[in-house]
């Protein structure tokens, strides 16, 4: 049988501590000077043209009597 949550000893809950107020106000985040963004290209970059299909290499005919004896 599963243990009931009330059967296991509970830790004494710690009293909520008040948040410590910083003595000095936090420094504002340093914002870098805005750099002008590069202008977006008007038209999308064209895909590079596909390379021309090379014909299969033509094997030279075997020399007469080279492969057969």
N, C-alpha and C. Protein backbone atom coordinates (compact mmCIF):
# COMPACT_ATOMS: atom_id res chain seq x y z
N UNK A 1 0.85 -1.19 0.00
CA UNK A 1 0.00 0.00 0.00
C UNK A 1 0.89 1.24 0.00
N UNK A 2 0.53 2.23 -0.78
CA UNK A 2 1.37 3.45 -0.82
C UNK A 2 1.30 4.18 0.50
N UNK A 3 2.44 4.76 0.89
CA UNK A 3 2.47 5.49 2.16
C UNK A 3 1.65 6.76 2.03
N UNK A 4 0.83 7.05 3.01
CA UNK A 4 0.05 8.28 2.99
C UNK A 4 1.00 9.44 3.27
N UNK A 5 0.77 10.57 2.62
CA UNK A 5 1.67 11.71 2.84
C UNK A 5 1.69 12.17 4.29
N UNK A 6 0.62 11.87 5.04
CA UNK A 6 0.57 12.33 6.43
C UNK A 6 1.44 11.45 7.32
N UNK A 7 1.79 10.24 6.85
CA UNK A 7 2.54 9.32 7.71
C UNK A 7 4.02 9.68 7.74
N UNK A 8 4.51 10.29 6.65
CA UNK A 8 5.94 10.62 6.66
C UNK A 8 6.14 11.95 7.39
N UNK A 9 7.23 12.05 8.18
CA UNK A 9 7.44 13.29 8.96
C UNK A 9 7.64 14.48 8.04
N UNK A 10 6.98 15.58 8.37
CA UNK A 10 7.11 16.79 7.56
C UNK A 10 8.22 17.66 8.12
N UNK A 11 8.93 18.33 7.22
CA UNK A 11 9.95 19.26 7.70
C UNK A 11 9.24 20.53 8.17
N UNK A 12 9.72 21.13 9.25
CA UNK A 12 9.10 22.39 9.67
C UNK A 12 9.30 23.44 8.60
N UNK A 13 8.20 24.05 8.18
CA UNK A 13 8.31 25.04 7.11
C UNK A 13 9.07 26.26 7.61
N UNK A 14 10.05 26.70 6.81
CA UNK A 14 10.81 27.88 7.22
C UNK A 14 9.95 29.12 7.01
N UNK A 15 9.99 30.06 7.95
CA UNK A 15 9.21 31.28 7.76
C UNK A 15 9.72 32.03 6.54
N UNK A 16 8.80 32.59 5.78
CA UNK A 16 9.21 33.31 4.57
C UNK A 16 10.01 34.53 4.97
N UNK A 17 11.25 34.62 4.43
CA UNK A 17 12.08 35.77 4.77
C UNK A 17 11.72 36.93 3.85
N UNK A 18 11.64 38.13 4.40
CA UNK A 18 11.35 39.27 3.52
C UNK A 18 12.50 39.48 2.55
N UNK A 19 12.22 39.80 1.30
CA UNK A 19 13.31 39.99 0.33
C UNK A 19 14.19 41.14 0.76
N UNK A 20 15.51 40.89 0.73
CA UNK A 20 16.43 41.96 1.14
C UNK A 20 16.44 43.05 0.08
N UNK A 21 16.18 44.28 0.53
CA UNK A 21 16.19 45.38 -0.43
C UNK A 21 17.63 45.80 -0.68
N UNK A 22 18.03 45.91 -1.93
CA UNK A 22 19.41 46.34 -2.20
C UNK A 22 19.62 47.76 -1.71
N UNK A 23 20.82 48.03 -1.18
CA UNK A 23 21.10 49.39 -0.68
C UNK A 23 21.12 50.38 -1.84
N UNK A 24 21.76 49.96 -2.95
CA UNK A 24 21.84 50.86 -4.11
C UNK A 24 20.91 50.35 -5.20
N UNK A 25 20.30 51.25 -5.95
CA UNK A 25 19.44 50.79 -7.04
C UNK A 25 20.28 50.03 -8.06
N UNK A 26 19.74 48.97 -8.62
CA UNK A 26 20.51 48.19 -9.60
C UNK A 26 20.88 49.06 -10.79
N UNK A 27 22.12 48.89 -11.26
CA UNK A 27 22.57 49.69 -12.40
C UNK A 27 21.78 49.27 -13.63
N UNK A 28 21.41 50.23 -14.46
CA UNK A 28 20.66 49.87 -15.67
C UNK A 28 21.53 49.02 -16.59
N UNK A 29 20.95 48.09 -17.29
CA UNK A 29 21.75 47.24 -18.19
C UNK A 29 22.43 48.10 -19.25
N UNK A 30 23.68 47.75 -19.55
CA UNK A 30 24.42 48.53 -20.55
C UNK A 30 23.89 48.16 -21.92
N UNK A 31 23.34 49.15 -22.62
CA UNK A 31 22.81 48.88 -23.96
C UNK A 31 23.85 49.32 -24.98
N UNK A 32 24.35 48.39 -25.79
CA UNK A 32 25.35 48.78 -26.79
C UNK A 32 24.73 49.72 -27.80
N UNK A 33 25.53 50.62 -28.37
CA UNK A 33 24.96 51.52 -29.39
C UNK A 33 24.39 50.70 -30.54
N UNK A 34 23.24 51.13 -31.01
CA UNK A 34 22.60 50.35 -32.08
C UNK A 34 23.42 50.46 -33.35
N UNK A 35 23.80 49.31 -33.87
CA UNK A 35 24.54 49.32 -35.13
C UNK A 35 23.53 49.15 -36.25
N UNK A 36 23.66 49.93 -37.30
CA UNK A 36 22.68 49.79 -38.39
C UNK A 36 22.71 48.38 -38.96
N UNK A 37 21.56 47.75 -39.01
CA UNK A 37 21.51 46.39 -39.53
C UNK A 37 21.76 46.42 -41.03
N UNK A 38 22.45 45.42 -41.55
CA UNK A 38 22.69 45.40 -43.00
C UNK A 38 21.37 45.35 -43.74
N UNK A 39 21.25 46.10 -44.83
CA UNK A 39 19.98 46.10 -45.56
C UNK A 39 19.65 44.71 -46.07
N UNK A 40 18.42 44.30 -45.88
CA UNK A 40 18.03 42.97 -46.34
C UNK A 40 17.98 42.98 -47.87
N UNK A 41 18.44 41.91 -48.48
CA UNK A 41 18.40 41.87 -49.95
C UNK A 41 16.96 41.97 -50.44
N UNK A 42 16.76 42.75 -51.49
CA UNK A 42 15.40 42.95 -52.00
C UNK A 42 14.83 41.63 -52.49
N UNK A 43 15.63 40.89 -53.24
CA UNK A 43 15.13 39.61 -53.75
C UNK A 43 15.94 38.48 -53.12
N UNK A 44 15.31 37.34 -52.90
CA UNK A 44 16.04 36.24 -52.27
C UNK A 44 17.20 35.81 -53.15
N UNK A 45 18.29 35.36 -52.52
CA UNK A 45 19.44 34.94 -53.33
C UNK A 45 19.05 33.80 -54.25
N UNK A 46 19.48 33.92 -55.49
CA UNK A 46 19.12 32.87 -56.45
C UNK A 46 19.99 31.64 -56.18
N UNK A 47 19.39 30.48 -56.36
CA UNK A 47 20.16 29.27 -56.12
C UNK A 47 21.21 29.12 -57.21
N UNK A 48 22.39 28.63 -56.85
CA UNK A 48 23.42 28.47 -57.88
C UNK A 48 22.93 27.49 -58.94
N UNK A 49 23.23 27.76 -60.20
CA UNK A 49 22.75 26.85 -61.25
C UNK A 49 23.34 25.46 -61.06
N UNK A 50 22.53 24.46 -61.34
CA UNK A 50 23.01 23.09 -61.18
C UNK A 50 24.13 22.84 -62.18
N UNK A 51 25.18 22.14 -61.74
CA UNK A 51 26.27 21.88 -62.69
C UNK A 51 25.77 21.03 -63.85
N UNK A 52 26.27 21.29 -65.05
CA UNK A 52 25.81 20.49 -66.19
C UNK A 52 26.15 19.02 -65.97
N UNK A 53 25.20 18.17 -66.31
CA UNK A 53 25.46 16.74 -66.08
C UNK A 53 26.56 16.28 -67.03
N UNK A 54 27.61 15.75 -66.43
CA UNK A 54 28.71 15.27 -67.28
C UNK A 54 28.32 13.92 -67.85
N UNK A 55 28.57 13.71 -69.11
CA UNK A 55 28.27 12.39 -69.68
C UNK A 55 29.17 11.34 -69.04
N UNK A 56 28.70 10.11 -68.93
CA UNK A 56 29.55 9.08 -68.32
C UNK A 56 30.83 8.94 -69.12
N UNK A 57 31.95 8.75 -68.44
CA UNK A 57 33.21 8.62 -69.19
C UNK A 57 33.15 7.43 -70.13
N UNK A 58 33.56 7.67 -71.36
CA UNK A 58 33.53 6.58 -72.34
C UNK A 58 34.81 5.77 -72.19
N UNK A 59 34.63 4.49 -71.84
CA UNK A 59 35.83 3.67 -71.67
C UNK A 59 36.39 3.35 -73.05
N UNK A 60 37.70 3.53 -73.19
CA UNK A 60 38.29 3.21 -74.50
C UNK A 60 38.17 1.71 -74.76
N UNK A 61 37.97 1.34 -75.99
CA UNK A 61 37.86 -0.10 -76.27
C UNK A 61 39.14 -0.81 -75.87
N UNK A 62 39.01 -2.02 -75.33
CA UNK A 62 40.23 -2.74 -74.91
C UNK A 62 41.14 -2.98 -76.11
N UNK A 63 42.41 -2.91 -75.83
CA UNK A 63 43.38 -3.15 -76.92
C UNK A 63 43.20 -4.58 -77.40
N UNK A 64 43.38 -4.79 -78.68
CA UNK A 64 43.19 -6.17 -79.20
C UNK A 64 44.13 -7.14 -78.53
N UNK A 65 43.52 -8.21 -78.01
CA UNK A 65 44.34 -9.26 -77.40
C UNK A 65 44.85 -8.88 -76.03
N UNK A 66 44.33 -7.83 -75.42
CA UNK A 66 44.87 -7.45 -74.11
C UNK A 66 44.25 -8.31 -73.02
N UNK A 67 42.91 -8.43 -73.02
CA UNK A 67 42.26 -9.15 -71.93
C UNK A 67 42.11 -10.63 -72.22
N UNK A 68 42.12 -11.01 -73.48
CA UNK A 68 41.92 -12.43 -73.79
C UNK A 68 43.21 -13.00 -74.32
N UNK A 69 43.44 -14.25 -73.95
CA UNK A 69 44.65 -14.90 -74.46
C UNK A 69 44.24 -16.17 -75.17
